[in-house]
């Protein structure tokens, strides 16, 4: 039993992946992952602060 894909099957999978990415593009993030986490944490802190007071 072989799990290897033929060259045509790999090309078909790659083509399908490219088409899926074209249909559903991912939004570019602003900055690195850590910068986004820091920004989200800042928003959450503000929300919690304003809910307490």
Protein backbone atom coordinates (compact mmCIF):
# COMPACT_ATOMS: atom_id res chain seq x y z
CA UNK A 1 0.00 0.00 0.00
CA UNK A 2 1.59 3.23 -1.14
CA UNK A 3 0.66 6.63 0.30
CA UNK A 4 2.57 8.55 -2.34
CA UNK A 5 0.68 10.79 -4.73
CA UNK A 6 1.42 10.92 -8.40
CA UNK A 7 2.80 14.09 -9.95
CA UNK A 8 -0.61 14.87 -11.49
CA UNK A 9 -2.38 14.38 -8.14
CA UNK A 10 0.06 16.74 -6.40
CA UNK A 11 -0.43 19.35 -9.12
CA UNK A 12 -4.21 19.02 -8.82
CA UNK A 13 -4.04 19.46 -5.04
CA UNK A 14 -1.79 22.50 -5.39
CA UNK A 15 -4.09 24.02 -8.00
CA UNK A 16 -7.13 23.46 -5.76
CA UNK A 17 -5.31 25.07 -2.80
CA UNK A 18 -4.44 28.12 -4.93
CA UNK A 19 -8.05 28.44 -6.09
CA UNK A 20 -9.33 28.18 -2.51
CA UNK A 21 -6.90 30.89 -1.38
CA UNK A 22 -8.02 33.11 -4.25
CA UNK A 23 -11.68 32.67 -3.29
CA UNK A 24 -11.09 33.20 0.44
CA UNK A 25 -8.09 35.49 0.93
CA UNK A 26 -6.84 36.00 4.46
CA UNK A 27 -6.72 39.52 5.80
CA UNK A 28 -3.18 40.81 6.32
CA UNK A 29 -2.43 41.42 9.96
CA UNK A 30 -0.92 44.65 11.18
CA UNK A 31 2.48 43.81 12.56
CA UNK A 32 3.78 40.59 14.02
CA UNK A 33 1.76 38.08 15.99
CA UNK A 34 3.02 39.47 19.29
CA UNK A 35 2.09 43.00 18.28
CA UNK A 36 -1.45 41.85 17.54
CA UNK A 37 -1.65 40.04 20.88
CA UNK A 38 -0.47 43.18 22.68
CA UNK A 39 -3.06 45.29 20.85
CA UNK A 40 -5.84 42.84 21.72
CA UNK A 41 -4.75 42.79 25.37
CA UNK A 42 -4.82 46.60 25.47
CA UNK A 43 -8.39 46.62 24.11
CA UNK A 44 -9.49 44.05 26.66
CA UNK A 45 -7.92 46.02 29.52
CA UNK A 46 -9.79 49.14 28.40
CA UNK A 47 -13.08 47.24 28.24
CA UNK A 48 -12.59 45.77 31.71
CA UNK A 49 -11.56 49.15 33.14
CA UNK A 50 -14.63 50.92 31.75
CA UNK A 51 -16.93 48.16 32.98
CA UNK A 52 -15.57 48.46 36.53
CA UNK A 53 -16.05 52.24 36.73
